[in-house]
N, C-alpha and C. Protein backbone atom coordinates (compact mmCIF):
# COMPACT_ATOMS: atom_id res chain seq x y z
N MET A 1 -13.61 -3.57 9.53
CA MET A 1 -14.63 -3.14 9.94
C MET A 1 -14.81 -1.88 9.37
N LYS A 2 -15.81 -1.20 8.52
CA LYS A 2 -15.93 -0.18 7.82
C LYS A 2 -16.69 1.09 8.50
N LYS A 3 -15.94 2.10 8.70
CA LYS A 3 -16.39 2.88 9.39
C LYS A 3 -17.56 3.97 9.01
N LYS A 4 -18.04 4.13 10.06
CA LYS A 4 -19.52 4.92 9.98
C LYS A 4 -19.34 6.00 9.29
N ASP A 5 -20.09 6.40 8.23
CA ASP A 5 -19.82 7.93 7.69
C ASP A 5 -20.60 8.65 8.59
N ASP A 6 -19.88 10.52 8.61
CA ASP A 6 -20.41 11.23 9.05
C ASP A 6 -21.87 11.59 9.11
N ALA A 7 -22.63 12.14 9.73
CA ALA A 7 -24.13 12.63 9.59
C ALA A 7 -24.63 12.85 8.33
N TYR A 8 -23.95 14.01 7.72
CA TYR A 8 -24.14 14.58 6.52
C TYR A 8 -23.94 13.51 5.62
N ILE A 9 -23.38 12.95 5.39
CA ILE A 9 -22.98 11.65 4.45
C ILE A 9 -23.93 10.50 4.82
N GLY A 10 -24.21 10.16 5.68
CA GLY A 10 -25.17 9.45 5.78
C GLY A 10 -26.45 9.70 5.67
N LEU A 11 -26.86 10.83 6.31
CA LEU A 11 -28.02 10.73 5.70
C LEU A 11 -28.51 11.09 3.98
N ILE A 12 -27.39 11.76 3.62
CA ILE A 12 -28.12 11.73 1.78
C ILE A 12 -27.76 10.54 1.47
N LYS A 13 -26.72 9.28 1.80
CA LYS A 13 -26.94 7.99 1.35
C LYS A 13 -28.33 7.58 1.69
N PHE A 14 -28.81 7.56 2.72
CA PHE A 14 -29.86 7.29 3.46
C PHE A 14 -30.94 7.68 2.55
N ILE A 15 -31.19 9.06 2.45
CA ILE A 15 -32.36 9.38 1.55
C ILE A 15 -32.18 9.16 0.08
N LYS A 16 -30.73 8.93 -0.50
CA LYS A 16 -30.74 8.32 -1.95
C LYS A 16 -31.32 7.12 -1.99
N THR A 17 -31.06 6.47 -1.01
CA THR A 17 -31.35 4.59 -1.13
C THR A 17 -32.69 4.82 -0.81
N GLU A 18 -33.67 5.62 -0.17
CA GLU A 18 -35.02 5.70 0.21
C GLU A 18 -35.58 5.99 -0.83
N THR A 19 -35.15 7.21 -2.08
CA THR A 19 -35.90 7.65 -3.03
C THR A 19 -35.69 6.81 -4.16
N GLU A 20 -34.84 5.75 -4.16
CA GLU A 20 -34.24 5.07 -5.56
C GLU A 20 -35.90 4.96 -6.38
N GLN A 21 -36.91 4.41 -5.85
CA GLN A 21 -38.53 4.10 -6.25
C GLN A 21 -39.51 5.19 -6.68
N THR A 22 -39.53 6.09 -5.61
CA THR A 22 -40.19 7.00 -5.93
C THR A 22 -39.86 8.33 -6.42
N GLY A 23 -38.67 8.49 -5.66
CA GLY A 23 -37.77 9.95 -5.76
C GLY A 23 -38.25 10.75 -4.33
N LEU A 24 -39.20 10.28 -3.44
CA LEU A 24 -39.40 11.01 -2.43
C LEU A 24 -39.35 10.41 -1.27
N ILE A 25 -39.07 11.02 -0.10
CA ILE A 25 -39.02 10.71 1.19
C ILE A 25 -40.12 11.39 2.13
N ASP A 26 -40.29 10.69 3.04
CA ASP A 26 -41.43 11.50 4.45
C ASP A 26 -40.25 11.61 5.52
N PHE A 27 -40.21 13.36 5.48
CA PHE A 27 -39.59 13.97 6.12
C PHE A 27 -39.18 13.11 7.73
N SER A 28 -40.52 12.53 8.17
CA SER A 28 -40.70 11.74 9.72
C SER A 28 -39.41 10.60 9.50
N LYS A 29 -39.59 10.10 8.15
CA LYS A 29 -38.76 8.86 8.56
C LYS A 29 -37.31 9.12 8.18
N ALA A 30 -37.12 9.97 7.54
CA ALA A 30 -35.34 10.43 7.55
C ALA A 30 -34.83 11.15 9.00
N LYS A 31 -35.76 12.01 9.81
CA LYS A 31 -35.81 12.42 11.08
C LYS A 31 -35.28 11.26 11.77
N LYS A 32 -36.23 10.18 11.90
CA LYS A 32 -36.03 8.62 12.61
C LYS A 32 -34.35 8.41 12.41
N PHE A 33 -34.23 8.39 11.28
CA PHE A 33 -32.98 7.56 10.75
C PHE A 33 -31.86 8.12 11.66
N MET A 34 -31.96 9.28 11.63
CA MET A 34 -30.85 10.46 11.97
C MET A 34 -30.88 9.94 13.37
N THR A 35 -32.23 10.23 14.46
CA THR A 35 -31.96 10.47 15.63
C THR A 35 -31.54 8.75 16.32
N THR A 36 -31.82 7.80 15.02
CA THR A 36 -31.30 6.51 15.91
C THR A 36 -30.31 6.33 15.31
N GLN A 37 -29.66 6.65 14.33
CA GLN A 37 -28.40 5.89 13.81
C GLN A 37 -27.03 7.32 14.33
N TYR A 38 -27.49 8.31 14.66
CA TYR A 38 -26.60 9.39 15.12
C TYR A 38 -26.98 9.73 16.34
N GLN A 39 -26.34 9.09 17.47
CA GLN A 39 -26.69 9.05 18.65
C GLN A 39 -27.01 10.73 19.35
N GLY A 40 -25.98 11.39 18.55
CA GLY A 40 -25.57 13.09 19.01
C GLY A 40 -27.00 14.12 18.75
N PHE A 41 -27.45 13.15 17.70
CA PHE A 41 -28.46 14.24 17.03
C PHE A 41 -29.77 14.62 17.47
N ASN A 42 -30.53 15.20 17.92
CA ASN A 42 -32.09 15.47 18.43
C ASN A 42 -32.97 15.89 17.34
N GLU A 43 -33.71 15.78 17.34
CA GLU A 43 -34.75 15.95 16.48
C GLU A 43 -34.77 17.40 15.69
N HIS A 44 -34.59 18.42 16.91
CA HIS A 44 -34.07 19.93 15.95
C HIS A 44 -32.89 20.05 15.20
N ALA A 45 -31.84 19.32 15.65
CA ALA A 45 -30.63 19.22 14.50
C ALA A 45 -31.00 18.53 13.51
N ALA A 46 -31.67 17.10 13.40
CA ALA A 46 -32.20 16.24 12.69
C ALA A 46 -33.06 17.24 11.74
N GLU A 47 -33.60 18.03 11.51
CA GLU A 47 -34.74 18.61 10.93
C GLU A 47 -33.90 19.95 10.10
N GLU A 48 -33.08 20.39 11.07
CA GLU A 48 -31.77 21.58 10.35
C GLU A 48 -31.31 21.23 9.45
N MET A 49 -30.54 19.81 9.61
CA MET A 49 -29.89 19.05 8.66
C MET A 49 -30.81 18.63 7.14
N LEU A 50 -31.75 18.01 7.45
CA LEU A 50 -32.62 17.51 6.50
C LEU A 50 -33.04 18.92 5.48
N ARG A 51 -33.15 19.91 6.31
CA ARG A 51 -33.70 21.26 5.47
C ARG A 51 -32.71 21.64 4.58
N GLN A 52 -31.49 21.39 4.91
CA GLN A 52 -30.20 22.02 4.04
C GLN A 52 -30.19 20.84 2.74
N ILE A 53 -30.40 20.02 2.91
CA ILE A 53 -30.05 18.70 2.14
C ILE A 53 -31.48 18.41 1.33
N THR A 54 -32.45 18.64 1.40
CA THR A 54 -34.03 17.84 1.05
C THR A 54 -34.41 19.67 0.30
N LEU A 55 -35.24 19.50 -0.55
CA LEU A 55 -36.55 20.14 -0.90
C LEU A 55 -37.86 19.57 -1.07
N ARG A 56 -38.89 20.72 -0.70
CA ARG A 56 -40.01 19.98 -0.45
C ARG A 56 -40.58 19.71 -1.80
N ALA A 57 -41.16 18.62 -2.17
CA ALA A 57 -41.98 18.12 -3.27
C ALA A 57 -43.39 18.34 -3.19
N SER A 58 -44.18 17.94 -2.26
CA SER A 58 -45.81 17.56 -2.10
C SER A 58 -45.95 17.85 -0.29
N GLN A 59 -47.11 18.31 -0.32
CA GLN A 59 -47.62 18.18 0.81
C GLN A 59 -48.98 17.25 1.04
N THR A 60 -48.81 16.14 1.78
CA THR A 60 -49.89 15.25 1.52
C THR A 60 -50.36 15.20 3.40
N GLY A 61 -51.63 14.70 3.33
CA GLY A 61 -52.44 14.81 4.45
C GLY A 61 -51.69 14.25 5.92
N GLY A 62 -50.41 13.01 5.26
CA GLY A 62 -50.16 12.72 6.77
C GLY A 62 -48.62 13.26 6.86
N GLY A 63 -48.09 14.49 6.05
CA GLY A 63 -47.12 15.37 6.13
C GLY A 63 -46.61 15.47 4.65
N SER A 64 -45.51 16.22 4.73
CA SER A 64 -44.50 16.64 3.58
C SER A 64 -43.63 15.38 2.97
N MET A 65 -43.74 15.63 1.66
CA MET A 65 -42.46 14.53 0.95
C MET A 65 -41.59 15.72 0.67
N TYR A 66 -40.43 14.87 0.78
CA TYR A 66 -39.10 15.72 -0.21
C TYR A 66 -38.40 14.82 -0.75
N VAL A 67 -37.89 15.47 -1.57
CA VAL A 67 -36.55 15.01 -2.44
C VAL A 67 -35.41 15.42 -1.96
N LEU A 68 -34.36 14.66 -2.65
CA LEU A 68 -32.69 15.23 -2.19
C LEU A 68 -32.37 16.23 -3.10
N SER A 69 -32.05 17.33 -2.65
CA SER A 69 -31.51 18.27 -3.37
C SER A 69 -30.24 18.29 -4.32
N SER A 70 -30.10 18.58 -5.22
CA SER A 70 -28.97 18.27 -6.57
C SER A 70 -27.50 18.93 -5.74
N GLN A 71 -27.67 20.00 -4.83
CA GLN A 71 -26.25 20.29 -4.58
C GLN A 71 -25.76 18.72 -3.57
N ALA A 72 -26.44 18.59 -2.44
CA ALA A 72 -26.52 17.43 -1.58
C ALA A 72 -26.11 16.25 -2.45
N TYR A 73 -26.88 16.17 -3.71
CA TYR A 73 -26.70 14.41 -4.39
C TYR A 73 -25.06 14.49 -4.95
N PHE A 74 -24.82 16.08 -5.34
CA PHE A 74 -23.17 16.15 -5.86
C PHE A 74 -22.24 16.18 -4.97
N HIS A 75 -22.48 16.53 -3.70
CA HIS A 75 -22.00 16.41 -2.47
C HIS A 75 -21.62 14.93 -2.26
N LEU A 76 -22.62 14.12 -2.37
CA LEU A 76 -22.75 12.91 -1.99
C LEU A 76 -21.43 12.24 -3.51
N LEU A 77 -21.41 12.65 -4.80
CA LEU A 77 -20.88 12.34 -6.03
C LEU A 77 -19.67 12.53 -5.57
N GLU A 78 -18.95 13.84 -4.90
CA GLU A 78 -17.88 14.30 -4.62
C GLU A 78 -17.09 13.40 -3.67
N TYR A 79 -17.98 12.95 -2.44
CA TYR A 79 -17.65 12.27 -1.16
C TYR A 79 -16.96 11.12 -2.02
N GLU A 80 -17.79 10.50 -2.44
CA GLU A 80 -17.55 8.95 -3.31
C GLU A 80 -16.32 8.73 -4.27
N GLU A 81 -16.41 9.75 -5.01
CA GLU A 81 -14.97 10.03 -5.86
C GLU A 81 -13.74 9.99 -5.20
N LEU A 82 -13.98 10.94 -3.76
CA LEU A 82 -13.26 10.85 -2.87
C LEU A 82 -12.56 9.85 -2.12
N GLU A 83 -13.58 8.63 -1.99
CA GLU A 83 -13.19 7.68 -1.34
C GLU A 83 -12.77 6.39 -1.97
N GLN A 84 -13.27 6.82 -2.89
CA GLN A 84 -12.52 6.02 -4.43
C GLN A 84 -11.37 6.29 -4.69
N ALA A 85 -10.74 7.59 -4.74
CA ALA A 85 -9.49 8.11 -4.81
C ALA A 85 -8.47 7.60 -3.93
N ARG A 86 -9.29 7.59 -2.50
CA ARG A 86 -8.23 6.90 -1.64
C ARG A 86 -7.70 5.59 -1.77
N SER A 87 -8.87 4.84 -1.89
CA SER A 87 -8.75 3.48 -1.92
C SER A 87 -7.78 3.15 -3.10
N SER A 88 -7.63 3.71 -4.29
CA SER A 88 -7.11 3.47 -5.48
C SER A 88 -5.42 3.85 -5.05
N SER A 89 -5.55 5.08 -4.42
CA SER A 89 -4.17 5.37 -3.80
C SER A 89 -3.39 4.64 -2.80
N LYS A 90 -4.19 4.03 -2.10
CA LYS A 90 -3.88 2.73 -0.99
C LYS A 90 -3.52 1.43 -1.76
N THR A 91 -3.93 1.28 -2.73
CA THR A 91 -3.54 0.30 -3.83
C THR A 91 -2.17 0.24 -4.50
N ALA A 92 -2.27 1.49 -5.20
CA ALA A 92 -0.95 2.27 -5.80
C ALA A 92 0.12 2.14 -4.53
N LEU A 93 -0.27 2.62 -3.45
CA LEU A 93 1.00 2.19 -2.13
C LEU A 93 1.06 1.04 -2.06
N TRP A 94 0.60 -0.19 -1.93
CA TRP A 94 1.01 -0.84 -1.64
C TRP A 94 1.70 -1.75 -2.63
N PHE A 95 1.04 -1.60 -4.06
CA PHE A 95 1.78 -2.25 -5.30
C PHE A 95 3.51 -1.59 -5.64
N ALA A 96 3.54 -0.18 -4.49
CA ALA A 96 4.81 0.57 -5.29
C ALA A 96 5.98 0.00 -4.11
N THR A 97 5.49 -0.22 -3.28
CA THR A 97 6.11 -0.42 -1.87
C THR A 97 6.40 -2.04 -2.01
N ALA A 98 5.46 -3.35 -2.64
CA ALA A 98 5.97 -4.22 -3.00
C ALA A 98 6.94 -4.07 -4.17
N ALA A 99 6.95 -3.39 -5.04
CA ALA A 99 7.86 -3.33 -6.59
C ALA A 99 9.39 -2.81 -5.84
N LEU A 100 9.21 -2.11 -4.96
CA LEU A 100 10.42 -1.40 -4.22
C LEU A 100 11.00 -2.69 -3.21
N ALA A 101 10.33 -3.75 -2.75
CA ALA A 101 11.08 -4.50 -1.96
C ALA A 101 11.78 -5.60 -2.78
N VAL A 102 10.96 -5.74 -4.08
CA VAL A 102 11.20 -7.00 -4.65
C VAL A 102 13.10 -6.27 -5.71
N SER A 103 12.49 -5.09 -5.86
CA SER A 103 13.81 -4.78 -6.23
C SER A 103 15.13 -4.44 -5.55
N ILE A 104 14.95 -4.39 -4.47
CA ILE A 104 16.18 -4.08 -3.16
C ILE A 104 16.67 -5.50 -2.96
N THR A 105 15.63 -6.59 -2.92
CA THR A 105 16.00 -7.93 -2.71
C THR A 105 16.85 -8.50 -4.00
N VAL A 106 16.51 -8.23 -5.05
CA VAL A 106 17.45 -8.62 -6.07
C VAL A 106 18.62 -7.72 -6.17
N GLY A 107 18.62 -6.46 -6.11
CA GLY A 107 20.02 -5.94 -5.71
C GLY A 107 20.84 -6.34 -4.93
N ALA A 108 20.05 -6.54 -3.71
CA ALA A 108 20.86 -7.25 -2.79
C ALA A 108 21.75 -8.72 -2.98
N VAL A 109 20.69 -9.56 -3.56
CA VAL A 109 21.17 -10.82 -4.26
C VAL A 109 22.40 -11.14 -4.90
N SER A 110 22.31 -9.69 -6.09
CA SER A 110 22.86 -9.91 -7.07
C SER A 110 24.39 -9.28 -6.59
N ILE A 111 24.54 -8.32 -5.47
CA ILE A 111 25.67 -8.29 -5.36
C ILE A 111 26.54 -9.16 -4.35
N THR A 112 25.74 -9.90 -3.49
CA THR A 112 25.88 -10.94 -2.76
C THR A 112 26.24 -12.48 -3.90
N LEU A 113 26.15 -12.32 -4.80
CA LEU A 113 26.77 -13.02 -5.57
C LEU A 113 27.55 -12.77 -6.55
N GLN A 114 27.95 -11.84 -7.03
CA GLN A 114 29.12 -10.95 -6.92
C GLN A 114 30.22 -10.88 -6.45
N LEU A 115 29.72 -10.71 -4.66
CA LEU A 115 31.30 -10.48 -4.09
C LEU A 115 31.47 -12.20 -3.62
N LEU A 116 30.52 -13.21 -3.73
CA LEU A 116 31.25 -14.57 -3.71
C LEU A 116 31.64 -15.26 -4.83
N GLN A 117 31.65 -14.45 -5.92
CA GLN A 117 32.22 -14.73 -7.09
C GLN A 117 33.71 -14.20 -7.26
N ASN A 118 33.63 -13.05 -6.84
CA ASN A 118 35.03 -12.59 -6.57
C ASN A 118 35.80 -12.82 -5.35
N SER A 119 35.46 -13.74 -4.34
CA SER A 119 35.73 -14.09 -3.03
C SER A 119 36.40 -15.33 -3.70
N THR A 120 36.03 -15.90 -4.19
CA THR A 120 36.85 -17.63 -4.57
C THR A 120 38.14 -17.39 -5.83
N PRO A 121 38.78 -17.76 -5.53
CA PRO A 121 40.10 -17.77 -6.56
C PRO A 121 39.36 -18.72 -7.95
N PRO A 122 39.73 -18.27 -9.06
CA PRO A 122 39.87 -18.99 -10.09
C PRO A 122 40.60 -20.21 -10.21
N ASN A 123 39.63 -21.67 -10.60
CA ASN A 123 40.00 -22.89 -10.56
C ASN A 123 40.49 -23.09 -12.11
N VAL A 124 41.43 -22.22 -12.88
CA VAL A 124 41.80 -22.37 -13.83
C VAL A 124 43.26 -22.96 -14.33
N ILE A 125 43.34 -24.30 -15.08
CA ILE A 125 44.85 -25.00 -14.99
C ILE A 125 45.14 -24.86 -16.62
N ILE A 126 46.13 -24.41 -16.79
CA ILE A 126 46.54 -24.21 -18.23
C ILE A 126 48.14 -24.94 -18.07
N ASP A 127 47.91 -26.17 -19.16
CA ASP A 127 49.30 -26.68 -19.17
C ASP A 127 50.05 -26.10 -20.39
N ALA A 128 51.51 -26.62 -20.43
CA ALA A 128 52.45 -25.98 -21.12
C ALA A 128 51.96 -25.86 -22.58
N SER A 129 51.35 -26.69 -23.38
CA SER A 129 50.99 -26.95 -24.61
C SER A 129 49.71 -25.81 -25.06
N GLN A 130 48.96 -25.38 -23.92
CA GLN A 130 48.26 -23.95 -24.30
C GLN A 130 49.10 -23.14 -24.36
N VAL A 131 49.93 -22.96 -23.37
CA VAL A 131 50.51 -21.54 -23.06
C VAL A 131 51.34 -21.71 -24.38
N GLU A 132 52.00 -22.81 -25.12
CA GLU A 132 52.51 -22.75 -26.38
C GLU A 132 51.62 -21.94 -27.44
N GLN A 133 50.59 -22.58 -27.45
CA GLN A 133 49.46 -22.30 -28.35
C GLN A 133 49.09 -20.92 -28.21
N ILE A 134 48.90 -20.00 -27.06
CA ILE A 134 48.80 -18.77 -26.66
C ILE A 134 49.89 -17.98 -27.26
N LYS A 135 51.15 -17.92 -27.19
CA LYS A 135 52.59 -17.51 -27.59
C LYS A 135 52.26 -17.38 -28.94
N GLY A 136 51.90 -18.31 -29.50
CA GLY A 136 52.13 -18.45 -31.11
C GLY A 136 50.82 -17.48 -31.64
N LEU A 137 49.56 -17.58 -31.22
CA LEU A 137 48.47 -16.68 -31.80
C LEU A 137 48.85 -15.30 -31.38
N VAL A 138 49.78 -15.03 -30.29
CA VAL A 138 49.93 -13.88 -29.87
C VAL A 138 51.07 -13.33 -31.37
N ARG A 139 52.08 -14.18 -30.87
CA ARG A 139 53.32 -13.86 -32.24
C ARG A 139 52.50 -13.60 -33.44
N ASP A 140 51.39 -14.61 -33.86
CA ASP A 140 51.12 -14.35 -35.24
C ASP A 140 50.37 -13.11 -35.08
N LYS A 141 49.78 -12.36 -34.41
CA LYS A 141 48.65 -11.16 -34.46
C LYS A 141 49.80 -10.01 -34.40
N VAL A 142 50.78 -10.11 -33.65
CA VAL A 142 51.87 -8.94 -33.30
C VAL A 142 52.92 -9.04 -34.58
N GLY A 143 52.78 -10.59 -35.05
CA GLY A 143 54.04 -10.31 -36.07
C GLY A 143 55.17 -10.55 -35.80
N ILE A 144 55.59 -11.15 -34.82
CA ILE A 144 56.90 -11.44 -34.36
C ILE A 144 57.53 -12.66 -34.78
N ASP A 145 58.88 -12.66 -35.13
CA ASP A 145 59.23 -13.60 -36.19
C ASP A 145 60.28 -14.51 -35.24
N HIS A 146 60.61 -13.87 -34.67
CA HIS A 146 61.63 -14.75 -33.47
C HIS A 146 61.20 -15.20 -32.04
N GLU A 147 61.72 -15.92 -31.42
CA GLU A 147 61.33 -16.47 -30.22
C GLU A 147 62.06 -15.94 -29.25
N GLU A 148 61.55 -15.53 -27.64
CA GLU A 148 62.24 -15.27 -26.80
C GLU A 148 62.80 -16.11 -25.82
């Protein structure tokens, strides 16, 4: 479930969406959004917040039309960048944790196999002819002419 934005960001997003076509929004429509979506806001609080993030663009017979202020728009951009950075850091953390788990597992398996290999005695049988061949190679290498 996606968490609900705080009122300030929620209102900016609403105004941005509503103003995509004409660039203008009716003050009463934005105020209605605030009072219905955010239960703690009364009309006075909604108007105050709207005045902080909008600029009056025109006056019509039915009421005033407003535009989103550039400052509020940049606050929204900063917020969206922050959310994207948080999401990216969560993904990076997940991959780092997975890589760490894989490396720990590979290390543990490697150690276990090495211990198993060292605990079993070698099963090598050398007969007398092979021993004589080894002695001959050593004598040739060292330069010993006589047998012991």
